């Protein structure tokens, strides 16, 4: 039997699948990075399990996270999203996702790819933490503070340091799997 991080071991099949296949694996696709930014912002104040269950609905409602389309959402589209029970129906979060799409596109214009911009916060490679116990994982770090400040300066909303750190964990900018988790070794070996 595979040893997993406690949050996944105690979770259901959806959490375990996400842990085993995605969480902590480095992401370099701009669309996937944008998806995680939107989902992490939607998750603020909620459990990640709630967002995982709604992820497919988000993909459908948000045009598969096409930032160009989302940046053009108008009042009619916002009303439709607010009536969609498959996503988190929070007006501020929905408006933030549209502003974030616009800011995301500006970063792509400036850097060529969002990937090039965002990975600069970890020097272009994953940080390999060595945590015996996930209770010691911080909610934020100096790097997530810097990321949050810069994203806010560029017009992003719902992008505090805690959201940024969760994003960094999700997209593999940091390897926060517990040392005894099978994924820790897999990911650490790949990125020495």
N, C-alpha and C. Protein backbone atom coordinates (compact mmCIF):
# COMPACT_ATOMS: atom_id res chain seq x y z
N UNK A 1 0.84 -1.19 0.00
CA UNK A 1 0.00 0.00 0.00
C UNK A 1 0.88 1.25 0.00
N UNK A 2 0.51 2.24 -0.81
CA UNK A 2 1.29 3.47 -0.91
C UNK A 2 1.09 4.34 0.33
N UNK A 3 2.18 4.91 0.78
CA UNK A 3 2.09 5.89 1.86
C UNK A 3 1.87 7.26 1.24
N UNK A 4 0.83 7.93 1.70
CA UNK A 4 0.50 9.25 1.18
C UNK A 4 0.55 10.29 2.29
N UNK A 5 0.57 11.55 1.89
CA UNK A 5 0.41 12.64 2.85
C UNK A 5 -0.92 12.42 3.58
N UNK A 6 -0.96 12.77 4.86
CA UNK A 6 -2.14 12.50 5.70
C UNK A 6 -3.43 13.04 5.10
N UNK A 7 -3.40 14.26 4.53
CA UNK A 7 -4.63 14.84 4.00
C UNK A 7 -5.22 14.00 2.87
N UNK A 8 -4.35 13.35 2.09
CA UNK A 8 -4.83 12.50 0.99
C UNK A 8 -5.21 11.11 1.52
N UNK A 9 -4.40 10.59 2.43
CA UNK A 9 -4.68 9.26 2.99
C UNK A 9 -6.03 9.25 3.70
N UNK A 10 -6.38 10.38 4.32
CA UNK A 10 -7.66 10.48 5.04
C UNK A 10 -8.80 10.98 4.16
N UNK A 11 -8.48 11.31 2.92
CA UNK A 11 -9.50 11.81 2.00
C UNK A 11 -10.10 10.68 1.18
N UNK A 12 -10.97 11.06 0.29
CA UNK A 12 -11.63 10.09 -0.57
C UNK A 12 -10.84 9.84 -1.84
N UNK A 13 -11.42 9.07 -2.76
CA UNK A 13 -10.73 8.75 -4.02
C UNK A 13 -10.35 9.98 -4.84
N UNK A 14 -11.17 11.02 -4.82
CA UNK A 14 -10.88 12.23 -5.58
C UNK A 14 -9.62 12.92 -5.05
N UNK A 15 -9.54 13.07 -3.73
CA UNK A 15 -8.36 13.69 -3.11
C UNK A 15 -7.12 12.83 -3.34
N UNK A 16 -7.26 11.52 -3.25
CA UNK A 16 -6.11 10.63 -3.44
C UNK A 16 -5.61 10.69 -4.88
N UNK A 17 -6.52 10.70 -5.83
CA UNK A 17 -6.13 10.78 -7.23
C UNK A 17 -5.42 12.11 -7.51
N UNK A 18 -5.95 13.20 -6.97
CA UNK A 18 -5.34 14.52 -7.15
C UNK A 18 -3.94 14.53 -6.53
N UNK A 19 -3.82 14.00 -5.32
CA UNK A 19 -2.53 13.92 -4.64
C UNK A 19 -1.52 13.09 -5.44
N UNK A 20 -1.96 11.94 -5.91
CA UNK A 20 -1.06 10.99 -6.58
C UNK A 20 -0.62 11.45 -7.97
N UNK A 21 -1.46 12.23 -8.64
CA UNK A 21 -1.18 12.57 -10.04
C UNK A 21 -0.81 14.04 -10.27
N UNK A 22 -1.28 14.93 -9.40
CA UNK A 22 -1.10 16.35 -9.70
C UNK A 22 -0.38 17.15 -8.63
N UNK A 23 -0.83 17.07 -7.39
CA UNK A 23 -0.34 17.98 -6.35
C UNK A 23 1.17 17.89 -6.22
N UNK A 24 1.83 19.00 -6.42
CA UNK A 24 3.28 19.06 -6.27
C UNK A 24 4.06 18.74 -7.52
N UNK A 25 3.40 18.32 -8.58
CA UNK A 25 4.09 18.04 -9.85
C UNK A 25 4.24 19.36 -10.61
N UNK A 26 5.45 19.71 -11.04
CA UNK A 26 5.65 20.99 -11.72
C UNK A 26 4.79 21.16 -12.97
N UNK A 27 4.13 22.31 -13.03
CA UNK A 27 3.26 22.67 -14.14
C UNK A 27 3.92 23.83 -14.90
N UNK A 28 3.98 23.69 -16.22
CA UNK A 28 4.56 24.76 -17.05
C UNK A 28 3.61 25.21 -18.16
N UNK A 29 2.44 24.61 -18.23
CA UNK A 29 1.43 25.03 -19.21
C UNK A 29 0.75 26.29 -18.70
N UNK A 30 0.75 27.34 -19.51
CA UNK A 30 0.10 28.59 -19.10
C UNK A 30 -1.37 28.38 -18.76
N UNK A 31 -2.06 27.60 -19.56
CA UNK A 31 -3.49 27.39 -19.31
C UNK A 31 -3.71 26.69 -17.97
N UNK A 32 -2.88 25.70 -17.68
CA UNK A 32 -3.00 24.95 -16.42
C UNK A 32 -2.63 25.85 -15.23
N UNK A 33 -1.61 26.68 -15.40
CA UNK A 33 -1.25 27.61 -14.33
C UNK A 33 -2.40 28.58 -14.07
N UNK A 34 -3.03 29.06 -15.14
CA UNK A 34 -4.16 29.97 -14.98
C UNK A 34 -5.32 29.26 -14.29
N UNK A 35 -5.57 28.01 -14.67
CA UNK A 35 -6.63 27.23 -14.02
C UNK A 35 -6.40 27.18 -12.51
N UNK A 36 -5.19 26.88 -12.10
CA UNK A 36 -4.92 26.80 -10.66
C UNK A 36 -5.04 28.15 -9.97
N UNK A 37 -4.68 29.23 -10.64
CA UNK A 37 -4.87 30.55 -10.05
C UNK A 37 -6.35 30.82 -9.78
N UNK A 38 -7.18 30.50 -10.77
CA UNK A 38 -8.62 30.72 -10.62
C UNK A 38 -9.20 29.81 -9.52
N UNK A 39 -8.81 28.54 -9.53
CA UNK A 39 -9.34 27.60 -8.54
C UNK A 39 -8.88 27.93 -7.13
N UNK A 40 -7.62 28.33 -6.98
CA UNK A 40 -7.13 28.69 -5.64
C UNK A 40 -7.85 29.93 -5.12
N UNK A 41 -8.12 30.89 -6.00
CA UNK A 41 -8.89 32.06 -5.59
C UNK A 41 -10.31 31.70 -5.20
N UNK A 42 -10.92 30.79 -5.95
CA UNK A 42 -12.29 30.34 -5.63
C UNK A 42 -12.31 29.59 -4.31
N UNK A 43 -11.21 28.94 -3.98
CA UNK A 43 -11.14 28.11 -2.77
C UNK A 43 -11.06 28.95 -1.49
N UNK A 44 -10.67 30.21 -1.58
CA UNK A 44 -10.50 31.05 -0.39
C UNK A 44 -11.71 30.92 0.54
N UNK A 45 -11.45 30.48 1.76
CA UNK A 45 -12.51 30.32 2.75
C UNK A 45 -13.26 29.01 2.67
N UNK A 46 -12.91 28.17 1.72
CA UNK A 46 -13.57 26.88 1.53
C UNK A 46 -12.53 25.77 1.58
N UNK A 47 -12.99 24.54 1.53
CA UNK A 47 -12.04 23.42 1.50
C UNK A 47 -11.64 23.13 0.07
N UNK A 48 -10.42 22.60 -0.10
CA UNK A 48 -9.96 22.24 -1.44
C UNK A 48 -10.82 21.11 -2.00
N UNK A 49 -11.33 20.24 -1.14
CA UNK A 49 -12.19 19.14 -1.59
C UNK A 49 -13.43 19.69 -2.31
N UNK A 50 -13.97 20.77 -1.80
CA UNK A 50 -15.14 21.40 -2.43
C UNK A 50 -14.79 21.83 -3.86
N UNK A 51 -13.63 22.44 -4.02
CA UNK A 51 -13.22 22.92 -5.33
C UNK A 51 -12.90 21.75 -6.26
N UNK A 52 -12.26 20.72 -5.73
CA UNK A 52 -11.97 19.53 -6.56
C UNK A 52 -13.26 18.93 -7.12
N UNK A 53 -14.30 18.87 -6.28
CA UNK A 53 -15.58 18.31 -6.74
C UNK A 53 -16.23 19.18 -7.81
N UNK A 54 -15.93 20.48 -7.78
CA UNK A 54 -16.53 21.42 -8.73
C UNK A 54 -15.62 21.70 -9.94
N UNK A 55 -14.45 21.11 -9.96
CA UNK A 55 -13.46 21.44 -10.98
C UNK A 55 -13.97 21.23 -12.41
N UNK A 56 -14.62 20.13 -12.67
CA UNK A 56 -15.19 19.88 -14.00
C UNK A 56 -16.22 20.93 -14.37
N UNK A 57 -17.03 21.33 -13.41
CA UNK A 57 -18.02 22.39 -13.65
C UNK A 57 -17.33 23.71 -13.97
N UNK A 58 -16.23 23.99 -13.27
CA UNK A 58 -15.47 25.21 -13.55
C UNK A 58 -14.92 25.19 -14.96
N UNK A 59 -14.39 24.05 -15.38
CA UNK A 59 -13.83 23.98 -16.74
C UNK A 59 -14.90 24.30 -17.78
N UNK A 60 -16.08 23.77 -17.55
CA UNK A 60 -17.18 24.01 -18.50
C UNK A 60 -17.65 25.47 -18.42
N UNK A 61 -17.89 25.96 -17.22
CA UNK A 61 -18.41 27.32 -17.04
C UNK A 61 -17.40 28.39 -17.46
N UNK A 62 -16.12 28.09 -17.31
CA UNK A 62 -15.05 29.05 -17.60
C UNK A 62 -14.31 28.74 -18.89
N UNK A 63 -15.01 28.20 -19.87
CA UNK A 63 -14.44 27.99 -21.20
C UNK A 63 -13.08 27.31 -21.15
N UNK A 64 -13.00 26.26 -20.33
CA UNK A 64 -11.76 25.48 -20.17
C UNK A 64 -10.57 26.37 -19.81
N UNK A 65 -10.86 27.40 -19.03
CA UNK A 65 -9.85 28.33 -18.52
C UNK A 65 -9.06 29.04 -19.63
N UNK A 66 -9.77 29.41 -20.67
CA UNK A 66 -9.18 30.20 -21.75
C UNK A 66 -9.20 31.67 -21.29
N UNK A 67 -8.04 32.17 -20.91
CA UNK A 67 -7.94 33.53 -20.35
C UNK A 67 -8.46 34.59 -21.31
N UNK A 68 -8.25 34.40 -22.62
CA UNK A 68 -8.72 35.39 -23.60
C UNK A 68 -10.25 35.50 -23.56
N UNK A 69 -10.92 34.36 -23.49
CA UNK A 69 -12.38 34.39 -23.42
C UNK A 69 -12.86 34.96 -22.09
N UNK A 70 -12.23 34.54 -21.00
CA UNK A 70 -12.66 35.00 -19.67
C UNK A 70 -12.46 36.52 -19.54
N UNK A 71 -11.41 37.05 -20.10
CA UNK A 71 -11.16 38.49 -20.03
C UNK A 71 -12.28 39.29 -20.70
N UNK A 72 -13.03 38.66 -21.60
CA UNK A 72 -14.12 39.35 -22.30
C UNK A 72 -15.50 39.10 -21.68
N UNK A 73 -15.55 38.40 -20.56
CA UNK A 73 -16.85 38.15 -19.93
C UNK A 73 -17.53 39.48 -19.60
N UNK A 74 -18.84 39.52 -19.87
CA UNK A 74 -19.61 40.73 -19.63
C UNK A 74 -20.66 40.48 -18.54
N UNK A 75 -21.53 41.46 -18.32
CA UNK A 75 -22.54 41.38 -17.26
C UNK A 75 -23.47 40.18 -17.45
N UNK A 76 -23.79 39.86 -18.69
CA UNK A 76 -24.66 38.70 -18.97
C UNK A 76 -23.98 37.41 -18.54
N UNK A 77 -22.72 37.27 -18.88
CA UNK A 77 -21.98 36.06 -18.50
C UNK A 77 -21.83 35.98 -16.98
N UNK A 78 -21.59 37.11 -16.33
CA UNK A 78 -21.48 37.12 -14.86
C UNK A 78 -22.79 36.65 -14.24
N UNK A 79 -23.92 37.12 -14.75
CA UNK A 79 -25.23 36.69 -14.23
C UNK A 79 -25.40 35.18 -14.39
N UNK A 80 -24.98 34.65 -15.55
CA UNK A 80 -25.06 33.19 -15.77
C UNK A 80 -24.19 32.43 -14.77
N UNK A 81 -22.99 32.93 -14.55
CA UNK A 81 -22.09 32.27 -13.59
C UNK A 81 -22.67 32.32 -12.18
N UNK A 82 -23.30 33.43 -11.82
CA UNK A 82 -23.89 33.56 -10.48
C UNK A 82 -25.07 32.61 -10.27
N UNK A 83 -25.66 32.14 -11.35
CA UNK A 83 -26.78 31.19 -11.27
C UNK A 83 -26.33 29.74 -11.41
N UNK A 84 -25.04 29.53 -11.65
CA UNK A 84 -24.52 28.18 -11.90
C UNK A 84 -24.23 27.47 -10.58
N UNK A 85 -25.03 26.46 -10.20
CA UNK A 85 -24.80 25.77 -8.92
C UNK A 85 -23.55 24.88 -8.93
N UNK A 86 -22.93 24.72 -10.08
CA UNK A 86 -21.75 23.86 -10.18
C UNK A 86 -20.46 24.54 -9.80
N UNK A 87 -20.50 25.86 -9.58
CA UNK A 87 -19.30 26.60 -9.17
C UNK A 87 -19.60 27.37 -7.89
N UNK A 88 -18.59 28.01 -7.34
CA UNK A 88 -18.79 28.86 -6.16
C UNK A 88 -19.39 30.17 -6.67
N UNK A 89 -20.62 30.44 -6.25
CA UNK A 89 -21.35 31.60 -6.77
C UNK A 89 -21.12 32.82 -5.88
N UNK A 90 -19.93 33.34 -5.97
CA UNK A 90 -19.54 34.51 -5.18
C UNK A 90 -19.19 35.62 -6.19
N UNK A 91 -19.96 36.70 -6.13
CA UNK A 91 -19.80 37.79 -7.10
C UNK A 91 -18.37 38.34 -7.11
N UNK A 92 -17.77 38.52 -5.93
CA UNK A 92 -16.42 39.07 -5.86
C UNK A 92 -15.39 38.13 -6.49
N UNK A 93 -15.54 36.85 -6.25
CA UNK A 93 -14.61 35.87 -6.82
C UNK A 93 -14.77 35.76 -8.34
N UNK A 94 -15.99 35.85 -8.80
CA UNK A 94 -16.24 35.79 -10.24
C UNK A 94 -15.65 37.03 -10.92
N UNK A 95 -15.90 38.20 -10.35
CA UNK A 95 -15.33 39.43 -10.93
C UNK A 95 -13.80 39.37 -10.88
N UNK A 96 -13.26 38.85 -9.79
CA UNK A 96 -11.80 38.73 -9.66
C UNK A 96 -11.24 37.84 -10.75
N UNK A 97 -11.95 36.75 -11.09
CA UNK A 97 -11.44 35.84 -12.13
C UNK A 97 -11.33 36.56 -13.48
N UNK A 98 -12.23 37.47 -13.75
CA UNK A 98 -12.19 38.23 -15.01
C UNK A 98 -11.02 39.22 -14.99
N UNK A 99 -10.87 39.94 -13.88
CA UNK A 99 -9.73 40.86 -13.75
C UNK A 99 -8.41 40.10 -13.82
N UNK A 100 -8.39 38.92 -13.19
CA UNK A 100 -7.17 38.11 -13.20
C UNK A 100 -6.83 37.62 -14.61
N UNK A 101 -7.85 37.32 -15.39
CA UNK A 101 -7.61 36.91 -16.78
C UNK A 101 -6.96 38.05 -17.56
N UNK A 102 -7.44 39.26 -17.35
CA UNK A 102 -6.86 40.42 -18.03
C UNK A 102 -5.41 40.64 -17.60
N UNK A 103 -5.15 40.54 -16.30
CA UNK A 103 -3.79 40.73 -15.78
C UNK A 103 -2.87 39.60 -16.26
N UNK A 104 -3.40 38.40 -16.32
CA UNK A 104 -2.66 37.23 -16.80
C UNK A 104 -2.20 37.47 -18.25
N UNK A 105 -3.10 37.97 -19.08
CA UNK A 105 -2.77 38.24 -20.48
C UNK A 105 -1.70 39.33 -20.61
N UNK A 106 -1.74 40.31 -19.73
CA UNK A 106 -0.72 41.36 -19.73
C UNK A 106 0.66 40.78 -19.39
N UNK A 107 0.68 39.87 -18.42
CA UNK A 107 1.96 39.23 -18.06
C UNK A 107 2.47 38.39 -19.23
N UNK A 108 1.58 37.67 -19.89
CA UNK A 108 2.00 36.90 -21.06
C UNK A 108 2.62 37.83 -22.12
N UNK A 109 2.00 38.98 -22.31
CA UNK A 109 2.52 39.94 -23.29
C UNK A 109 3.92 40.40 -22.91
N UNK A 110 4.10 40.70 -21.63
CA UNK A 110 5.38 41.22 -21.15
C UNK A 110 6.49 40.16 -21.14
N UNK A 111 6.17 38.94 -20.72
CA UNK A 111 7.18 37.90 -20.52
C UNK A 111 7.20 36.83 -21.62
N UNK A 112 6.24 36.89 -22.52
CA UNK A 112 6.15 35.85 -23.55
C UNK A 112 5.29 34.68 -23.10
N UNK A 113 5.48 34.26 -21.87
CA UNK A 113 4.68 33.17 -21.26
C UNK A 113 4.51 33.47 -19.78
N UNK A 114 3.35 33.14 -19.25
CA UNK A 114 3.12 33.31 -17.81
C UNK A 114 4.07 32.41 -17.03
N UNK A 115 4.33 31.24 -17.57
CA UNK A 115 5.25 30.28 -16.95
C UNK A 115 6.60 30.93 -16.65
N UNK A 116 7.12 31.67 -17.58
CA UNK A 116 8.43 32.33 -17.41
C UNK A 116 8.37 33.32 -16.25
N UNK A 117 7.26 34.04 -16.14
CA UNK A 117 7.09 35.01 -15.06
C UNK A 117 6.96 34.32 -13.70
N UNK A 118 6.04 33.38 -13.59
CA UNK A 118 5.68 32.85 -12.27
C UNK A 118 6.80 32.01 -11.66
N UNK A 119 7.52 31.27 -12.49
CA UNK A 119 8.58 30.41 -11.95
C UNK A 119 9.81 31.19 -11.51
N UNK A 120 9.89 32.47 -11.81
CA UNK A 120 11.02 33.27 -11.34
C UNK A 120 11.02 33.37 -9.81
N UNK A 121 9.85 33.18 -9.19
CA UNK A 121 9.76 33.30 -7.74
C UNK A 121 10.46 32.15 -7.01
N UNK A 122 10.75 31.07 -7.72
CA UNK A 122 11.51 29.96 -7.13
C UNK A 122 12.80 29.71 -7.90
N UNK A 123 13.24 30.69 -8.65
CA UNK A 123 14.47 30.54 -9.40
C UNK A 123 14.37 29.56 -10.55
N UNK A 124 13.15 29.29 -11.02
CA UNK A 124 12.95 28.43 -12.18
C UNK A 124 12.90 26.94 -11.89
N UNK A 125 13.00 26.56 -10.62
CA UNK A 125 12.94 25.12 -10.29
C UNK A 125 12.20 24.93 -8.96
N UNK A 126 11.68 23.72 -8.74
CA UNK A 126 10.94 23.45 -7.51
C UNK A 126 11.83 23.51 -6.27
N UNK A 127 11.27 24.06 -5.22
CA UNK A 127 11.92 24.04 -3.91
C UNK A 127 11.60 22.70 -3.27
N UNK A 128 12.63 21.97 -2.86
CA UNK A 128 12.43 20.65 -2.26
C UNK A 128 12.45 20.78 -0.74
N UNK A 129 11.27 20.94 -0.15
CA UNK A 129 11.20 21.00 1.31
C UNK A 129 11.35 19.59 1.87
N UNK A 130 11.71 19.50 3.12
CA UNK A 130 11.91 18.19 3.75
C UNK A 130 11.07 18.16 5.03
N UNK A 131 9.80 17.92 4.85
CA UNK A 131 8.87 17.98 5.99
C UNK A 131 8.51 16.58 6.46
N UNK A 132 8.80 16.34 7.71
CA UNK A 132 8.42 15.05 8.31
C UNK A 132 6.92 15.03 8.61
N UNK A 133 6.40 16.19 8.93
CA UNK A 133 5.03 16.30 9.38
C UNK A 133 4.39 17.49 8.67
N UNK A 134 3.26 17.27 8.03
CA UNK A 134 2.63 18.35 7.28
C UNK A 134 1.97 19.39 8.17
N UNK A 135 1.92 19.12 9.47
CA UNK A 135 1.39 20.14 10.39
C UNK A 135 2.36 21.32 10.49
N UNK A 136 3.60 21.12 10.06
CA UNK A 136 4.60 22.18 10.12
C UNK A 136 4.70 22.98 8.82
N UNK A 137 3.85 22.66 7.86
CA UNK A 137 3.87 23.40 6.59
C UNK A 137 3.30 24.79 6.86
N UNK A 138 4.03 25.82 6.48
CA UNK A 138 3.53 27.18 6.71
C UNK A 138 2.37 27.51 5.77
N UNK A 139 1.57 28.47 6.17
CA UNK A 139 0.48 28.93 5.31
C UNK A 139 1.00 29.89 4.25
N UNK A 140 2.17 30.46 4.52
CA UNK A 140 2.78 31.42 3.60
C UNK A 140 4.29 31.46 3.86
N UNK A 141 5.01 31.99 2.90
CA UNK A 141 6.47 32.13 3.03
C UNK A 141 6.88 33.48 2.46
N UNK A 142 8.15 33.80 2.58
CA UNK A 142 8.63 35.06 1.99
C UNK A 142 8.43 35.05 0.47
N UNK A 143 8.63 33.89 -0.14
CA UNK A 143 8.46 33.80 -1.59
C UNK A 143 6.99 34.00 -1.99
N UNK A 144 6.07 33.41 -1.22
CA UNK A 144 4.65 33.61 -1.54
C UNK A 144 4.23 35.05 -1.24
N UNK A 145 4.85 35.66 -0.23
CA UNK A 145 4.57 37.08 0.05
C UNK A 145 4.99 37.94 -1.15
N UNK A 146 6.18 37.65 -1.68
CA UNK A 146 6.69 38.42 -2.83
C UNK A 146 5.81 38.20 -4.06
N UNK A 147 5.40 36.95 -4.28
CA UNK A 147 4.53 36.65 -5.41
C UNK A 147 3.21 37.41 -5.28
N UNK A 148 2.61 37.33 -4.11
CA UNK A 148 1.33 38.00 -3.87
C UNK A 148 1.45 39.51 -4.11
N UNK A 149 2.48 40.12 -3.55
CA UNK A 149 2.69 41.57 -3.74
C UNK A 149 2.79 41.92 -5.22
N UNK A 150 3.57 41.15 -5.96
CA UNK A 150 3.77 41.48 -7.37
C UNK A 150 2.50 41.24 -8.19
N UNK A 151 1.80 40.16 -7.91
CA UNK A 151 0.55 39.90 -8.64
C UNK A 151 -0.48 40.97 -8.34
N UNK A 152 -0.58 41.40 -7.09
CA UNK A 152 -1.52 42.48 -6.74
C UNK A 152 -1.14 43.77 -7.46
N UNK A 153 0.15 44.06 -7.50
CA UNK A 153 0.63 45.26 -8.19
C UNK A 153 0.24 45.22 -9.66
N UNK A 154 0.14 44.02 -10.21
CA UNK A 154 -0.20 43.85 -11.63
C UNK A 154 -1.71 43.74 -11.86
N UNK A 155 -2.51 43.91 -10.79
CA UNK A 155 -3.96 43.95 -10.95
C UNK A 155 -4.73 42.71 -10.53
N UNK A 156 -4.05 41.69 -10.02
CA UNK A 156 -4.75 40.47 -9.60
C UNK A 156 -5.52 40.70 -8.30
N UNK A 157 -6.61 39.97 -8.14
CA UNK A 157 -7.45 40.00 -6.93
C UNK A 157 -7.54 38.58 -6.37
N UNK A 158 -7.96 38.48 -5.11
CA UNK A 158 -8.05 37.18 -4.42
C UNK A 158 -6.74 36.42 -4.60
N UNK A 159 -5.65 37.09 -4.25
CA UNK A 159 -4.33 36.52 -4.50
C UNK A 159 -3.39 36.85 -3.33
N UNK A 160 -3.91 36.65 -2.12
CA UNK A 160 -3.07 36.87 -0.94
C UNK A 160 -1.96 35.84 -0.84
N UNK A 161 -1.08 36.04 0.11
CA UNK A 161 0.08 35.17 0.26
C UNK A 161 -0.30 33.71 0.53
N UNK A 162 -1.35 33.48 1.31
CA UNK A 162 -1.78 32.10 1.60
C UNK A 162 -2.28 31.42 0.32
N UNK A 163 -3.03 32.13 -0.49
CA UNK A 163 -3.49 31.59 -1.77
C UNK A 163 -2.29 31.32 -2.67
N UNK A 164 -1.33 32.24 -2.67
CA UNK A 164 -0.13 32.04 -3.50
C UNK A 164 0.65 30.80 -3.05
N UNK A 165 0.75 30.59 -1.73
CA UNK A 165 1.51 29.41 -1.28
C UNK A 165 0.77 28.13 -1.67
N UNK A 166 -0.55 28.12 -1.53
CA UNK A 166 -1.33 26.94 -1.95
C UNK A 166 -1.15 26.70 -3.45
N UNK A 167 -1.13 27.77 -4.22
CA UNK A 167 -0.88 27.68 -5.66
C UNK A 167 0.50 27.09 -5.92
N UNK A 168 1.51 27.57 -5.22
CA UNK A 168 2.88 27.07 -5.38
C UNK A 168 2.96 25.57 -5.08
N UNK A 169 2.24 25.14 -4.05
CA UNK A 169 2.21 23.71 -3.73
C UNK A 169 1.52 22.92 -4.84
N UNK A 170 0.39 23.44 -5.31
CA UNK A 170 -0.40 22.72 -6.31
C UNK A 170 0.36 22.53 -7.61
N UNK A 171 1.08 23.58 -8.05
CA UNK A 171 1.76 23.53 -9.35
C UNK A 171 3.21 23.11 -9.26
N UNK A 172 3.61 22.59 -8.10
CA UNK A 172 4.94 22.02 -7.96
C UNK A 172 6.08 23.00 -7.84
N UNK A 173 5.79 24.25 -7.54
CA UNK A 173 6.88 25.20 -7.30
C UNK A 173 7.57 24.87 -5.99
N UNK A 174 6.84 24.22 -5.10
CA UNK A 174 7.42 23.68 -3.86
C UNK A 174 6.96 22.23 -3.73
N UNK A 175 7.83 21.39 -3.25
CA UNK A 175 7.47 19.99 -2.97
C UNK A 175 7.22 19.91 -1.47
N UNK A 176 5.96 19.94 -1.09
CA UNK A 176 5.58 19.87 0.32
C UNK A 176 4.99 18.52 0.69
N UNK A 177 5.24 17.51 -0.12
CA UNK A 177 4.84 16.16 0.28
C UNK A 177 5.66 15.78 1.51
N UNK A 178 5.06 15.04 2.41
CA UNK A 178 5.79 14.55 3.60
C UNK A 178 6.92 13.63 3.14
N UNK A 179 7.99 13.60 3.88
CA UNK A 179 9.15 12.77 3.53
C UNK A 179 8.79 11.30 3.35
N UNK A 180 7.82 10.82 4.13
CA UNK A 180 7.46 9.39 4.03
C UNK A 180 6.40 9.12 2.96
N UNK A 181 5.99 10.14 2.22
CA UNK A 181 5.00 9.98 1.15
C UNK A 181 5.71 9.49 -0.11
N UNK A 182 5.10 8.54 -0.80
CA UNK A 182 5.72 8.01 -2.02
C UNK A 182 5.96 9.08 -3.08
N UNK A 183 5.12 10.11 -3.11
CA UNK A 183 5.27 11.17 -4.12
C UNK A 183 6.48 12.08 -3.83
N UNK A 184 6.85 12.21 -2.57
CA UNK A 184 8.00 13.06 -2.25
C UNK A 184 9.23 12.57 -3.01
N UNK A 185 9.51 11.30 -2.89
CA UNK A 185 10.70 10.73 -3.52
C UNK A 185 10.60 10.81 -5.05
N UNK A 186 9.43 10.52 -5.60
CA UNK A 186 9.27 10.59 -7.05
C UNK A 186 9.58 11.99 -7.58
N UNK A 187 9.02 13.00 -6.93
CA UNK A 187 9.18 14.36 -7.40
C UNK A 187 10.58 14.89 -7.11
N UNK A 188 11.15 14.54 -5.98
CA UNK A 188 12.49 15.01 -5.63
C UNK A 188 13.52 14.45 -6.59
N UNK A 189 13.37 13.18 -6.98
CA UNK A 189 14.30 12.55 -7.93
C UNK A 189 14.25 13.22 -9.29
N UNK A 190 13.06 13.58 -9.74
CA UNK A 190 12.90 14.19 -11.05
C UNK A 190 13.54 15.56 -11.15
N UNK A 191 13.66 16.25 -10.01
CA UNK A 191 14.08 17.65 -10.06
C UNK A 191 15.32 17.94 -9.25
N UNK A 192 16.26 17.02 -9.26
CA UNK A 192 17.52 17.26 -8.55
C UNK A 192 18.35 18.24 -9.33
